[in-house]
N, C-alpha and C. Protein backbone atom coordinates (compact mmCIF):
# COMPACT_ATOMS: atom_id res chain seq x y z
N MET A 1 92.97 38.39 -50.25
CA MET A 1 91.92 37.96 -51.17
C MET A 1 92.12 36.51 -51.59
N GLY A 2 93.38 36.12 -51.84
CA GLY A 2 93.69 34.76 -52.26
C GLY A 2 93.35 33.76 -51.18
N GLU A 3 93.52 34.15 -49.91
CA GLU A 3 93.21 33.24 -48.80
C GLU A 3 91.70 32.97 -48.74
N ILE A 4 90.90 33.95 -49.05
CA ILE A 4 89.44 33.78 -49.03
C ILE A 4 89.02 32.80 -50.13
N VAL A 5 89.65 32.94 -51.30
CA VAL A 5 89.33 32.05 -52.41
C VAL A 5 89.70 30.62 -52.03
N GLU A 6 90.89 30.43 -51.42
CA GLU A 6 91.31 29.09 -50.99
C GLU A 6 90.35 28.54 -49.95
N PHE A 7 89.93 29.37 -49.01
CA PHE A 7 89.00 28.93 -47.97
C PHE A 7 87.67 28.51 -48.59
N LEU A 8 87.19 29.27 -49.57
CA LEU A 8 85.93 28.95 -50.23
C LEU A 8 86.03 27.62 -50.98
N LYS A 9 87.19 27.36 -51.58
CA LYS A 9 87.39 26.10 -52.28
C LYS A 9 87.36 24.93 -51.29
N PHE A 10 88.02 25.10 -50.15
CA PHE A 10 87.99 24.05 -49.13
C PHE A 10 86.57 23.85 -48.58
N ASP A 11 85.87 24.96 -48.40
CA ASP A 11 84.49 24.89 -47.91
C ASP A 11 83.62 24.14 -48.92
N GLU A 12 83.79 24.43 -50.20
CA GLU A 12 83.03 23.75 -51.25
C GLU A 12 83.39 22.27 -51.29
N LEU A 13 84.67 21.96 -51.16
CA LEU A 13 85.12 20.57 -51.16
C LEU A 13 84.53 19.82 -49.95
N GLU A 14 84.52 20.47 -48.80
CA GLU A 14 83.95 19.86 -47.59
C GLU A 14 82.46 19.56 -47.79
N LYS A 15 81.74 20.48 -48.40
CA LYS A 15 80.31 20.28 -48.64
C LYS A 15 80.08 19.10 -49.59
N LYS A 16 80.91 19.01 -50.63
CA LYS A 16 80.77 17.91 -51.58
C LYS A 16 81.05 16.57 -50.90
N ILE A 17 82.10 16.54 -50.09
CA ILE A 17 82.45 15.30 -49.39
C ILE A 17 81.34 14.93 -48.41
N THR A 18 80.83 15.89 -47.69
CA THR A 18 79.73 15.64 -46.75
C THR A 18 78.51 15.12 -47.49
N GLY A 19 78.20 15.73 -48.63
CA GLY A 19 77.07 15.28 -49.44
C GLY A 19 77.26 13.85 -49.92
N LEU A 20 78.48 13.52 -50.35
CA LEU A 20 78.76 12.16 -50.80
C LEU A 20 78.63 11.15 -49.67
N ILE A 21 79.09 11.52 -48.50
CA ILE A 21 78.98 10.63 -47.34
C ILE A 21 77.52 10.39 -46.99
N GLU A 22 76.73 11.44 -47.00
CA GLU A 22 75.29 11.30 -46.71
C GLU A 22 74.61 10.42 -47.76
N GLU A 23 74.95 10.66 -49.03
CA GLU A 23 74.37 9.86 -50.11
C GLU A 23 74.78 8.39 -49.97
N TYR A 24 76.04 8.16 -49.63
CA TYR A 24 76.53 6.78 -49.43
C TYR A 24 75.74 6.11 -48.30
N ALA A 25 75.52 6.83 -47.20
CA ALA A 25 74.78 6.26 -46.07
C ALA A 25 73.35 5.90 -46.49
N LEU A 26 72.71 6.76 -47.26
CA LEU A 26 71.35 6.48 -47.73
C LEU A 26 71.33 5.27 -48.66
N LEU A 27 72.30 5.21 -49.56
CA LEU A 27 72.37 4.07 -50.49
C LEU A 27 72.64 2.77 -49.74
N LYS A 28 73.49 2.84 -48.75
CA LYS A 28 73.80 1.65 -47.95
C LYS A 28 72.55 1.17 -47.21
N LYS A 29 71.79 2.12 -46.64
CA LYS A 29 70.55 1.78 -45.94
C LYS A 29 69.55 1.16 -46.91
N ARG A 30 69.41 1.75 -48.09
CA ARG A 30 68.47 1.24 -49.09
C ARG A 30 68.89 -0.15 -49.55
N ASN A 31 70.19 -0.35 -49.70
CA ASN A 31 70.70 -1.65 -50.11
C ASN A 31 70.34 -2.72 -49.07
N LEU A 32 70.48 -2.39 -47.80
CA LEU A 32 70.12 -3.33 -46.74
C LEU A 32 68.63 -3.64 -46.77
N GLU A 33 67.81 -2.61 -47.02
CA GLU A 33 66.36 -2.82 -47.13
C GLU A 33 66.04 -3.75 -48.29
N LEU A 34 66.69 -3.53 -49.43
CA LEU A 34 66.44 -4.37 -50.60
C LEU A 34 66.91 -5.80 -50.37
N GLU A 35 68.04 -5.97 -49.67
CA GLU A 35 68.51 -7.32 -49.36
C GLU A 35 67.51 -8.04 -48.46
N GLU A 36 66.92 -7.33 -47.51
CA GLU A 36 65.92 -7.92 -46.62
C GLU A 36 64.68 -8.31 -47.41
N GLN A 37 64.24 -7.44 -48.32
CA GLN A 37 63.08 -7.75 -49.15
C GLN A 37 63.35 -8.98 -50.02
N LEU A 38 64.56 -9.05 -50.58
CA LEU A 38 64.92 -10.20 -51.41
C LEU A 38 64.92 -11.49 -50.59
N LYS A 39 65.44 -11.40 -49.39
CA LYS A 39 65.44 -12.56 -48.49
C LYS A 39 64.01 -13.01 -48.20
N ASN A 40 63.12 -12.06 -47.91
CA ASN A 40 61.72 -12.39 -47.63
C ASN A 40 61.04 -13.00 -48.85
N LYS A 41 61.28 -12.43 -50.03
CA LYS A 41 60.67 -12.96 -51.24
C LYS A 41 61.20 -14.35 -51.57
N THR A 42 62.48 -14.58 -51.31
CA THR A 42 63.06 -15.90 -51.54
C THR A 42 62.40 -16.92 -50.62
N THR A 43 62.19 -16.55 -49.37
CA THR A 43 61.51 -17.43 -48.42
C THR A 43 60.08 -17.71 -48.88
N GLU A 44 59.37 -16.67 -49.31
CA GLU A 44 58.00 -16.84 -49.80
C GLU A 44 57.97 -17.78 -51.01
N LEU A 45 58.93 -17.60 -51.90
CA LEU A 45 58.99 -18.43 -53.10
C LEU A 45 59.24 -19.90 -52.74
N GLU A 46 60.13 -20.13 -51.78
CA GLU A 46 60.40 -21.50 -51.34
C GLU A 46 59.15 -22.13 -50.72
N GLU A 47 58.44 -21.36 -49.90
CA GLU A 47 57.21 -21.87 -49.28
C GLU A 47 56.15 -22.17 -50.33
N THR A 48 56.02 -21.29 -51.32
CA THR A 48 55.05 -21.49 -52.39
C THR A 48 55.40 -22.73 -53.20
N SER A 49 56.68 -22.92 -53.47
CA SER A 49 57.12 -24.10 -54.23
C SER A 49 56.79 -25.37 -53.47
N LYS A 50 56.98 -25.35 -52.15
CA LYS A 50 56.64 -26.53 -51.34
C LYS A 50 55.14 -26.80 -51.39
N LYS A 51 54.33 -25.73 -51.30
CA LYS A 51 52.88 -25.89 -51.37
C LYS A 51 52.46 -26.48 -52.71
N ILE A 52 53.06 -25.97 -53.78
CA ILE A 52 52.74 -26.48 -55.11
C ILE A 52 53.12 -27.95 -55.21
N GLY A 53 54.29 -28.30 -54.67
CA GLY A 53 54.70 -29.71 -54.67
C GLY A 53 53.70 -30.58 -53.93
N GLY A 54 53.22 -30.10 -52.79
CA GLY A 54 52.22 -30.83 -52.01
C GLY A 54 50.91 -30.97 -52.77
N LEU A 55 50.51 -29.90 -53.45
CA LEU A 55 49.27 -29.95 -54.23
C LEU A 55 49.39 -30.91 -55.41
N LYS A 56 50.55 -30.97 -56.03
CA LYS A 56 50.76 -31.91 -57.14
C LYS A 56 50.69 -33.35 -56.64
N GLU A 57 51.29 -33.58 -55.47
CA GLU A 57 51.22 -34.93 -54.89
C GLU A 57 49.78 -35.30 -54.58
N GLU A 58 49.05 -34.36 -54.01
CA GLU A 58 47.64 -34.59 -53.68
C GLU A 58 46.82 -34.85 -54.94
N ARG A 59 47.08 -34.07 -55.98
CA ARG A 59 46.39 -34.25 -57.26
C ARG A 59 46.67 -35.65 -57.83
N ASP A 60 47.93 -36.05 -57.78
CA ASP A 60 48.29 -37.38 -58.30
C ASP A 60 47.62 -38.49 -57.50
N ALA A 61 47.53 -38.30 -56.17
CA ALA A 61 46.88 -39.31 -55.33
C ALA A 61 45.38 -39.38 -55.68
N VAL A 62 44.75 -38.23 -55.87
CA VAL A 62 43.33 -38.20 -56.23
C VAL A 62 43.13 -38.85 -57.60
N ARG A 63 44.02 -38.52 -58.54
CA ARG A 63 43.91 -39.09 -59.88
C ARG A 63 44.02 -40.63 -59.82
N THR A 64 44.96 -41.12 -59.02
CA THR A 64 45.13 -42.56 -58.88
C THR A 64 43.88 -43.20 -58.29
N LYS A 65 43.32 -42.54 -57.27
CA LYS A 65 42.11 -43.05 -56.64
C LYS A 65 40.94 -43.07 -57.62
N VAL A 66 40.78 -41.98 -58.37
CA VAL A 66 39.71 -41.91 -59.37
C VAL A 66 39.88 -42.99 -60.42
N ASP A 67 41.11 -43.19 -60.89
CA ASP A 67 41.37 -44.24 -61.88
C ASP A 67 41.00 -45.62 -61.34
N SER A 68 41.34 -45.86 -60.07
CA SER A 68 41.01 -47.17 -59.50
C SER A 68 39.50 -47.34 -59.34
N LEU A 69 38.80 -46.25 -58.99
CA LEU A 69 37.35 -46.31 -58.89
C LEU A 69 36.71 -46.53 -60.26
N LEU A 70 37.26 -45.89 -61.27
CA LEU A 70 36.74 -46.10 -62.63
C LEU A 70 36.96 -47.55 -63.09
N ASP A 71 38.11 -48.11 -62.70
CA ASP A 71 38.38 -49.51 -63.03
C ASP A 71 37.35 -50.42 -62.35
N LEU A 72 37.03 -50.09 -61.09
CA LEU A 72 36.03 -50.88 -60.38
C LEU A 72 34.68 -50.78 -61.07
N LEU A 73 34.33 -49.59 -61.52
CA LEU A 73 33.06 -49.42 -62.25
C LEU A 73 33.05 -50.23 -63.55
N GLN A 74 34.16 -50.27 -64.22
CA GLN A 74 34.25 -51.04 -65.46
C GLN A 74 34.03 -52.52 -65.17
N GLU A 75 34.58 -52.98 -64.05
CA GLU A 75 34.40 -54.38 -63.67
C GLU A 75 32.93 -54.69 -63.36
N ILE A 76 32.29 -53.71 -62.72
CA ILE A 76 30.87 -53.90 -62.37
C ILE A 76 30.01 -53.95 -63.63
N LYS A 77 30.30 -53.10 -64.60
CA LYS A 77 29.53 -53.04 -65.84
C LYS A 77 29.76 -54.23 -66.72
N ALA A 78 30.94 -54.84 -66.61
CA ALA A 78 31.24 -55.98 -67.48
C ALA A 78 30.34 -57.15 -67.15
N PRO A 79 29.74 -57.76 -68.21
CA PRO A 79 28.82 -58.88 -67.96
C PRO A 79 29.58 -60.14 -67.58
């Protein structure tokens, strides 16, 4: 009878260890997926930042051009 109890304890321990290994594998896979998503989002953020920088430069160039055109208009209006 004692041998059966010992065997059942080992069987239960084996199941717990197997369950932990499976859970670890799933967590490891999910971690890799999340790292890939983070890498993709970081790349997207960098691209967006570059686009915003380009748009700011374009806006500043347009503003400078508009200011110079307004100055020209002021010169034309001046008697």
